PDB file of N, CA and C in Angstrom:
ATOM      1  N   MET A   1       2.208 -60.394  -8.315  1.00  0.00           N
ATOM      2  CA  MET A   1       0.798 -60.201  -8.044  1.00  0.00           C
ATOM      3  C   MET A   1       0.085 -61.521  -8.315  1.00  0.00           C
ATOM      4  N   THR A   2      -0.852 -61.857  -7.468  1.00  0.00           N
ATOM      5  CA  THR A   2      -1.603 -63.101  -7.581  1.00  0.00           C
ATOM      6  C   THR A   2      -2.878 -62.889  -8.388  1.00  0.00           C
ATOM      7  N   THR A   3      -3.270 -63.899  -9.113  1.00  0.00           N
ATOM      8  CA  THR A   3      -4.505 -63.858  -9.879  1.00  0.00           C
ATOM      9  C   THR A   3      -5.627 -64.466  -9.046  1.00  0.00           C
ATOM     10  N   LEU A   4      -6.793 -63.849  -9.108  1.00  0.00           N
ATOM     11  CA  LEU A   4      -7.959 -64.315  -8.374  1.00  0.00           C
ATOM     12  C   LEU A   4      -9.086 -64.548  -9.364  1.00  0.00           C
ATOM     13  N   SER A   5      -9.716 -65.681  -9.260  1.00  0.00           N
ATOM     14  CA  SER A   5     -10.850 -65.995 -10.126  1.00  0.00           C
ATOM     15  C   SER A   5     -12.092 -66.066  -9.261  1.00  0.00           C
ATOM     16  N   LEU A   6     -13.181 -65.413  -9.698  1.00  0.00           N
ATOM     17  CA  LEU A   6     -14.411 -65.470  -8.941  1.00  0.00           C
ATOM     18  C   LEU A   6     -15.605 -65.365  -9.870  1.00  0.00           C
ATOM     19  N   ARG A   7     -16.729 -65.819  -9.371  1.00  0.00           N
ATOM     20  CA  ARG A   7     -17.975 -65.758 -10.126  1.00  0.00           C
ATOM     21  C   ARG A   7     -18.794 -64.593  -9.600  1.00  0.00           C
ATOM     22  N   LEU A   8     -19.330 -63.805 -10.528  1.00  0.00           N
ATOM     23  CA  LEU A   8     -20.142 -62.649 -10.162  1.00  0.00           C
ATOM     24  C   LEU A   8     -21.469 -62.714 -10.907  1.00  0.00           C
ATOM     25  N   PRO A   9     -22.528 -62.259 -10.268  1.00  0.00           N
ATOM     26  CA  PRO A   9     -23.795 -62.155 -10.992  1.00  0.00           C
ATOM     27  C   PRO A   9     -23.633 -61.171 -12.156  1.00  0.00           C
ATOM     28  N   ASP A  10     -24.333 -61.435 -13.236  1.00  0.00           N
ATOM     29  CA  ASP A  10     -24.205 -60.597 -14.428  1.00  0.00           C
ATOM     30  C   ASP A  10     -24.501 -59.131 -14.149  1.00  0.00           C
ATOM     31  N   ASP A  11     -25.522 -58.864 -13.334  1.00  0.00           N
ATOM     32  CA  ASP A  11     -25.874 -57.463 -13.058  1.00  0.00           C
ATOM     33  C   ASP A  11     -24.771 -56.749 -12.279  1.00  0.00           C
ATOM     34  N   LEU A  12     -24.109 -57.467 -11.365  1.00  0.00           N
ATOM     35  CA  LEU A  12     -23.002 -56.861 -10.628  1.00  0.00           C
ATOM     36  C   LEU A  12     -21.827 -56.576 -11.557  1.00  0.00           C
ATOM     37  N   LEU A  13     -21.524 -57.507 -12.435  1.00  0.00           N
ATOM     38  CA  LEU A  13     -20.430 -57.306 -13.388  1.00  0.00           C
ATOM     39  C   LEU A  13     -20.734 -56.116 -14.307  1.00  0.00           C
ATOM     40  N   HIS A  14     -21.978 -56.002 -14.729  1.00  0.00           N
ATOM     41  CA  HIS A  14     -22.371 -54.877 -15.583  1.00  0.00           C
ATOM     42  C   HIS A  14     -22.175 -53.548 -14.836  1.00  0.00           C
ATOM     43  N   GLU A  15     -22.562 -53.539 -13.573  1.00  0.00           N
ATOM     44  CA  GLU A  15     -22.390 -52.337 -12.749  1.00  0.00           C
ATOM     45  C   GLU A  15     -20.913 -51.991 -12.592  1.00  0.00           C
ATOM     46  N   ILE A  16     -20.096 -53.000 -12.332  1.00  0.00           N
ATOM     47  CA  ILE A  16     -18.648 -52.795 -12.202  1.00  0.00           C
ATOM     48  C   ILE A  16     -18.092 -52.199 -13.489  1.00  0.00           C
ATOM     49  N   ASP A  17     -18.457 -52.789 -14.605  1.00  0.00           N
ATOM     50  CA  ASP A  17     -17.969 -52.290 -15.892  1.00  0.00           C
ATOM     51  C   ASP A  17     -18.412 -50.851 -16.142  1.00  0.00           C
ATOM     52  N   THR A  18     -19.657 -50.546 -15.805  1.00  0.00           N
ATOM     53  CA  THR A  18     -20.176 -49.189 -16.000  1.00  0.00           C
ATOM     54  C   THR A  18     -19.371 -48.183 -15.182  1.00  0.00           C
ATOM     55  N   PHE A  19     -19.175 -48.476 -13.913  1.00  0.00           N
ATOM     56  CA  PHE A  19     -18.446 -47.542 -13.048  1.00  0.00           C
ATOM     57  C   PHE A  19     -16.977 -47.453 -13.426  1.00  0.00           C
ATOM     58  N   ALA A  20     -16.380 -48.577 -13.760  1.00  0.00           N
ATOM     59  CA  ALA A  20     -14.970 -48.566 -14.164  1.00  0.00           C
ATOM     60  C   ALA A  20     -14.789 -47.716 -15.420  1.00  0.00           C
ATOM     61  N   ASN A  21     -15.706 -47.857 -16.376  1.00  0.00           N
ATOM     62  CA  ASN A  21     -15.635 -47.051 -17.599  1.00  0.00           C
ATOM     63  C   ASN A  21     -15.798 -45.567 -17.295  1.00  0.00           C
ATOM     64  N   GLU A  22     -16.732 -45.240 -16.394  1.00  0.00           N
ATOM     65  CA  GLU A  22     -16.932 -43.840 -16.012  1.00  0.00           C
ATOM     66  C   GLU A  22     -15.669 -43.256 -15.384  1.00  0.00           C
ATOM     67  N   MET A  23     -14.949 -44.095 -14.648  1.00  0.00           N
ATOM     68  CA  MET A  23     -13.731 -43.640 -13.977  1.00  0.00           C
ATOM     69  C   MET A  23     -12.500 -43.750 -14.882  1.00  0.00           C
ATOM     70  N   HIS A  24     -12.688 -44.300 -16.066  1.00  0.00           N
ATOM     71  CA  HIS A  24     -11.585 -44.477 -17.026  1.00  0.00           C
ATOM     72  C   HIS A  24     -10.464 -45.334 -16.449  1.00  0.00           C
ATOM     73  N   ILE A  25     -10.872 -46.407 -15.781  1.00  0.00           N
ATOM     74  CA  ILE A  25      -9.892 -47.361 -15.251  1.00  0.00           C
ATOM     75  C   ILE A  25     -10.310 -48.769 -15.669  1.00  0.00           C
ATOM     76  N   PRO A  26      -9.362 -49.695 -15.741  1.00  0.00           N
ATOM     77  CA  PRO A  26      -9.717 -51.076 -16.075  1.00  0.00           C
ATOM     78  C   PRO A  26     -10.585 -51.708 -14.987  1.00  0.00           C
ATOM     79  N   ARG A  27     -11.343 -52.712 -15.404  1.00  0.00           N
ATOM     80  CA  ARG A  27     -12.205 -53.443 -14.471  1.00  0.00           C
ATOM     81  C   ARG A  27     -11.401 -53.940 -13.270  1.00  0.00           C
ATOM     82  N   ALA A  28     -10.240 -54.534 -13.525  1.00  0.00           N
ATOM     83  CA  ALA A  28      -9.426 -55.095 -12.435  1.00  0.00           C
ATOM     84  C   ALA A  28      -9.012 -54.015 -11.439  1.00  0.00           C
ATOM     85  N   ALA A  29      -8.674 -52.833 -11.931  1.00  0.00           N
ATOM     86  CA  ALA A  29      -8.294 -51.740 -11.029  1.00  0.00           C
ATOM     87  C   ALA A  29      -9.482 -51.316 -10.175  1.00  0.00           C
ATOM     88  N   TYR A  30     -10.664 -51.273 -10.787  1.00  0.00           N
ATOM     89  CA  TYR A  30     -11.876 -50.910 -10.048  1.00  0.00           C
ATOM     90  C   TYR A  30     -12.138 -51.923  -8.933  1.00  0.00           C
ATOM     91  N   VAL A  31     -12.044 -53.209  -9.265  1.00  0.00           N
ATOM     92  CA  VAL A  31     -12.293 -54.255  -8.271  1.00  0.00           C
ATOM     93  C   VAL A  31     -11.241 -54.186  -7.163  1.00  0.00           C
ATOM     94  N   ARG A  32      -9.968 -53.956  -7.525  1.00  0.00           N
ATOM     95  CA  ARG A  32      -8.920 -53.816  -6.500  1.00  0.00           C
ATOM     96  C   ARG A  32      -9.242 -52.669  -5.551  1.00  0.00           C
ATOM     97  N   LYS A  33      -9.642 -51.521  -6.124  1.00  0.00           N
ATOM     98  CA  LYS A  33      -9.983 -50.368  -5.286  1.00  0.00           C
ATOM     99  C   LYS A  33     -11.172 -50.684  -4.374  1.00  0.00           C
ATOM    100  N   ALA A  34     -12.155 -51.401  -4.894  1.00  0.00           N
ATOM    101  CA  ALA A  34     -13.317 -51.771  -4.087  1.00  0.00           C
ATOM    102  C   ALA A  34     -12.909 -52.672  -2.929  1.00  0.00           C
ATOM    103  N   LEU A  35     -12.037 -53.637  -3.209  1.00  0.00           N
ATOM    104  CA  LEU A  35     -11.568 -54.530  -2.154  1.00  0.00           C
ATOM    105  C   LEU A  35     -10.727 -53.789  -1.120  1.00  0.00           C
ATOM    106  N   GLU A  36      -9.892 -52.870  -1.584  1.00  0.00           N
ATOM    107  CA  GLU A  36      -9.096 -52.062  -0.653  1.00  0.00           C
ATOM    108  C   GLU A  36     -10.011 -51.243   0.253  1.00  0.00           C
ATOM    109  N   GLN A  37     -11.061 -50.664  -0.318  1.00  0.00           N
ATOM    110  CA  GLN A  37     -12.005 -49.870   0.481  1.00  0.00           C
ATOM    111  C   GLN A  37     -12.718 -50.759   1.500  1.00  0.00           C
ATOM    112  N   MET A  38     -13.096 -51.944   1.092  1.00  0.00           N
ATOM    113  CA  MET A  38     -13.746 -52.873   2.022  1.00  0.00           C
ATOM    114  C   MET A  38     -12.801 -53.239   3.153  1.00  0.00           C
ATOM    115  N   ASN A  39     -11.529 -53.480   2.829  1.00  0.00           N
ATOM    116  CA  ASN A  39     -10.543 -53.784   3.873  1.00  0.00           C
ATOM    117  C   ASN A  39     -10.421 -52.629   4.862  1.00  0.00           C
ATOM    118  N   LEU A  40     -10.418 -51.399   4.371  1.00  0.00           N
ATOM    119  CA  LEU A  40     -10.353 -50.236   5.261  1.00  0.00           C
ATOM    120  C   LEU A  40     -11.589 -50.165   6.160  1.00  0.00           C
ATOM    121  N   THR A  41     -12.742 -50.443   5.595  1.00  0.00           N
ATOM    122  CA  THR A  41     -13.987 -50.419   6.360  1.00  0.00           C
ATOM    123  C   THR A  41     -13.978 -51.474   7.459  1.00  0.00           C
ATOM    124  N   VAL A  42     -13.563 -52.680   7.110  1.00  0.00           N
ATOM    125  CA  VAL A  42     -13.517 -53.765   8.093  1.00  0.00           C
ATOM    126  C   VAL A  42     -12.481 -53.460   9.177  1.00  0.00           C
ATOM    127  N   ALA A  43     -11.334 -52.934   8.796  1.00  0.00           N
ATOM    128  CA  ALA A  43     -10.295 -52.598   9.783  1.00  0.00           C
ATOM    129  C   ALA A  43     -10.790 -51.508  10.732  1.00  0.00           C
ATOM    130  N   ALA A  44     -11.494 -50.511  10.205  1.00  0.00           N
ATOM    131  CA  ALA A  44     -12.026 -49.436  11.056  1.00  0.00           C
ATOM    132  C   ALA A  44     -13.071 -49.986  12.021  1.00  0.00           C
ATOM    133  N   GLN A  45     -13.935 -50.876  11.530  1.00  0.00           N
ATOM    134  CA  GLN A  45     -14.940 -51.484  12.405  1.00  0.00           C
ATOM    135  C   GLN A  45     -14.284 -52.329  13.485  1.00  0.00           C
ATOM    136  N   ARG A  46     -13.243 -53.055  13.112  1.00  0.00           N
ATOM    137  CA  ARG A  46     -12.505 -53.868  14.081  1.00  0.00           C
ATOM    138  C   ARG A  46     -11.902 -52.982  15.161  1.00  0.00           C
ATOM    139  N   GLN A  47     -11.332 -51.841  14.759  1.00  0.00           N
ATOM    140  CA  GLN A  47     -10.732 -50.931  15.732  1.00  0.00           C
ATOM    141  C   GLN A  47     -11.798 -50.340  16.652  1.00  0.00           C
ATOM    142  N   ARG A  48     -12.952 -49.950  16.080  1.00  0.00           N
ATOM    143  CA  ARG A  48     -14.050 -49.423  16.910  1.00  0.00           C
ATOM    144  C   ARG A  48     -14.491 -50.455  17.935  1.00  0.00           C
ATOM    145  N   THR A  49     -14.583 -51.704  17.510  1.00  0.00           N
ATOM    146  CA  THR A  49     -15.006 -52.769  18.420  1.00  0.00           C
ATOM    147  C   THR A  49     -14.002 -52.944  19.549  1.00  0.00           C
ATOM    148  N   ARG A  50     -12.715 -52.961  19.209  1.00  0.00           N
ATOM    149  CA  ARG A  50     -11.684 -53.116  20.249  1.00  0.00           C
ATOM    150  C   ARG A  50     -11.702 -51.942  21.224  1.00  0.00           C
ATOM    151  N   LEU A  51     -11.877 -50.727  20.703  1.00  0.00           N
ATOM    152  CA  LEU A  51     -11.930 -49.564  21.585  1.00  0.00           C
ATOM    153  C   LEU A  51     -13.155 -49.613  22.496  1.00  0.00           C
ATOM    154  N   MET A  52     -14.291 -50.053  21.952  1.00  0.00           N
ATOM    155  CA  MET A  52     -15.496 -50.155  22.767  1.00  0.00           C
ATOM    156  C   MET A  52     -15.314 -51.199  23.861  1.00  0.00           C
ATOM    157  N   GLU A  53     -14.717 -52.332  23.504  1.00  0.00           N
ATOM    158  CA  GLU A  53     -14.468 -53.372  24.505  1.00  0.00           C
ATOM    159  C   GLU A  53     -13.536 -52.871  25.592  1.00  0.00           C
ATOM    160  N   ALA A  54     -12.486 -52.152  25.210  1.00  0.00           N
ATOM    161  CA  ALA A  54     -11.550 -51.609  26.204  1.00  0.00           C
ATOM    162  C   ALA A  54     -12.243 -50.575  27.081  1.00  0.00           C
ATOM    163  N   SER A  55     -13.076 -49.757  26.466  1.00  0.00           N
ATOM    164  CA  SER A  55     -13.799 -48.734  27.222  1.00  0.00           C
ATOM    165  C   SER A  55     -14.724 -49.374  28.251  1.00  0.00           C
ATOM    166  N   LEU A  56     -15.411 -50.432  27.855  1.00  0.00           N
ATOM    167  CA  LEU A  56     -16.310 -51.116  28.790  1.00  0.00           C
ATOM    168  C   LEU A  56     -15.539 -51.745  29.943  1.00  0.00           C
ATOM    169  N   LYS A  57     -14.319 -52.218  29.669  1.00  0.00           N
ATOM    170  CA  LYS A  57     -13.517 -52.833  30.720  1.00  0.00           C
ATOM    171  C   LYS A  57     -13.114 -51.823  31.795  1.00  0.00           C
ATOM    172  N   VAL A  58     -12.883 -50.576  31.413  1.00  0.00           N
ATOM    173  CA  VAL A  58     -12.429 -49.574  32.386  1.00  0.00           C
ATOM    174  C   VAL A  58     -13.558 -48.662  32.855  1.00  0.00           C
ATOM    175  N   ARG A  59     -14.764 -48.928  32.401  1.00  0.00           N
ATOM    176  CA  ARG A  59     -15.888 -48.048  32.728  1.00  0.00           C
ATOM    177  C   ARG A  59     -16.121 -47.928  34.239  1.00  0.00           C
ATOM    178  N   ALA A  60     -16.157 -49.037  34.940  1.00  0.00           N
ATOM    179  CA  ALA A  60     -16.423 -48.999  36.381  1.00  0.00           C
ATOM    180  C   ALA A  60     -15.375 -48.163  37.103  1.00  0.00           C
ATOM    181  N   GLU A  61     -14.118 -48.368  36.747  1.00  0.00           N
ATOM    182  CA  GLU A  61     -13.042 -47.592  37.391  1.00  0.00           C
ATOM    183  C   GLU A  61     -13.167 -46.114  37.046  1.00  0.00           C
ATOM    184  N   SER A  62     -13.496 -45.811  35.815  1.00  0.00           N
ATOM    185  CA  SER A  62     -13.671 -44.413  35.404  1.00  0.00           C
ATOM    186  C   SER A  62     -14.808 -43.755  36.183  1.00  0.00           C
ATOM    187  N   MET A  63     -15.896 -44.484  36.372  1.00  0.00           N
ATOM    188  CA  MET A  63     -17.027 -43.933  37.128  1.00  0.00           C
ATOM    189  C   MET A  63     -16.620 -43.664  38.580  1.00  0.00           C
ATOM    190  N   ARG A  64     -15.816 -44.558  39.154  1.00  0.00           N
ATOM    191  CA  ARG A  64     -15.356 -44.369  40.533  1.00  0.00           C
ATOM    192  C   ARG A  64     -14.485 -43.122  40.631  1.00  0.00           C
ATOM    193  N   VAL A  65     -13.567 -42.956  39.688  1.00  0.00           N
ATOM    194  CA  VAL A  65     -12.679 -41.789  39.677  1.00  0.00           C
ATOM    195  C   VAL A  65     -13.497 -40.509  39.464  1.00  0.00           C
ATOM    196  N   ASN A  66     -14.452 -40.544  38.568  1.00  0.00           N
ATOM    197  CA  ASN A  66     -15.305 -39.373  38.342  1.00  0.00           C
ATOM    198  C   ASN A  66     -16.074 -38.993  39.597  1.00  0.00           C
ATOM    199  N   ALA A  67     -16.532 -39.989  40.338  1.00  0.00           N
ATOM    200  CA  ALA A  67     -17.248 -39.714  41.584  1.00  0.00           C
ATOM    201  C   ALA A  67     -16.327 -39.033  42.589  1.00  0.00           C
ATOM    202  N   GLU A  68     -15.072 -39.465  42.632  1.00  0.00           N
ATOM    203  CA  GLU A  68     -14.111 -38.819  43.533  1.00  0.00           C
ATOM    204  C   GLU A  68     -13.878 -37.367  43.130  1.00  0.00           C
ATOM    205  N   PHE A  69     -13.768 -37.107  41.840  1.00  0.00           N
ATOM    206  CA  PHE A  69     -13.604 -35.728  41.379  1.00  0.00           C
ATOM    207  C   PHE A  69     -14.830 -34.888  41.691  1.00  0.00           C
ATOM    208  N   ASP A  70     -16.010 -35.477  41.580  1.00  0.00           N
ATOM    209  CA  ASP A  70     -17.241 -34.746  41.917  1.00  0.00           C
ATOM    210  C   ASP A  70     -17.215 -34.303  43.376  1.00  0.00           C
ATOM    211  N   LYS A  71     -16.740 -35.162  44.270  1.00  0.00           N
ATOM    212  CA  LYS A  71     -16.654 -34.813  45.692  1.00  0.00           C
ATOM    213  C   LYS A  71     -15.706 -33.638  45.899  1.00  0.00           C
ATOM    214  N   ILE A  72     -14.588 -33.651  45.199  1.00  0.00           N
ATOM    215  CA  ILE A  72     -13.606 -32.575  45.326  1.00  0.00           C
ATOM    216  C   ILE A  72     -14.173 -31.277  44.786  1.00  0.00           C
ATOM    217  N   GLU A  73     -14.872 -31.322  43.663  1.00  0.00           N
ATOM    218  CA  GLU A  73     -15.467 -30.115  43.090  1.00  0.00           C
ATOM    219  C   GLU A  73     -16.536 -29.525  43.998  1.00  0.00           C
ATOM    220  N   ASP A  74     -17.291 -30.397  44.680  1.00  0.00           N
ATOM    221  CA  ASP A  74     -18.358 -29.911  45.568  1.00  0.00           C
ATOM    222  C   ASP A  74     -17.806 -29.372  46.885  1.00  0.00           C
ATOM    223  N   ALA A  75     -16.628 -29.809  47.283  1.00  0.00           N
ATOM    224  CA  ALA A  75     -16.009 -29.367  48.521  1.00  0.00           C
ATOM    225  C   ALA A  75     -14.547 -29.037  48.221  1.00  0.00           C
ATOM    226  N   PRO A  76     -14.259 -27.871  47.666  1.00  0.00           N
ATOM    227  CA  PRO A  76     -12.896 -27.551  47.230  1.00  0.00           C
ATOM    228  C   PRO A  76     -11.861 -27.552  48.358  1.00  0.00           C
ATOM    229  N   HIS A  77     -12.264 -27.418  49.604  1.00  0.00           N
ATOM    230  CA  HIS A  77     -11.288 -27.372  50.710  1.00  0.00           C
ATOM    231  C   HIS A  77     -11.134 -28.739  51.374  1.00  0.00           C
ATOM    232  N   ALA A  78     -11.780 -29.756  50.856  1.00  0.00           N
ATOM    233  CA  ALA A  78     -11.742 -31.083  51.471  1.00  0.00           C
ATOM    234  C   ALA A  78     -10.443 -31.794  51.133  1.00  0.00           C
TER     235      ALA A  78
END
C-alpha cells in the first residue's frame, strides 16, 4: 500500500475526524472510503457521458427507423 501525504484545511480535517469517530473507523479508512466513493461517482459520470455521446451519434438513424415504423403502423397492409 502506498502512503499519500496531503494538506487539508483544519475545518475539513475536523469534519473527517468527527465522522470517522461516529463510524468507529480510523481516519485513514474514512478517507479511503471517501476516495473510493468519489472514484465511483466519476466513473458513473464518465459512463453516462459516453452513453449520451453514443446516443447522439445514432439519433438521426433511430429517428429515420422510427419514422419507417410509424408508416407501417398507420398502414398495416402496406
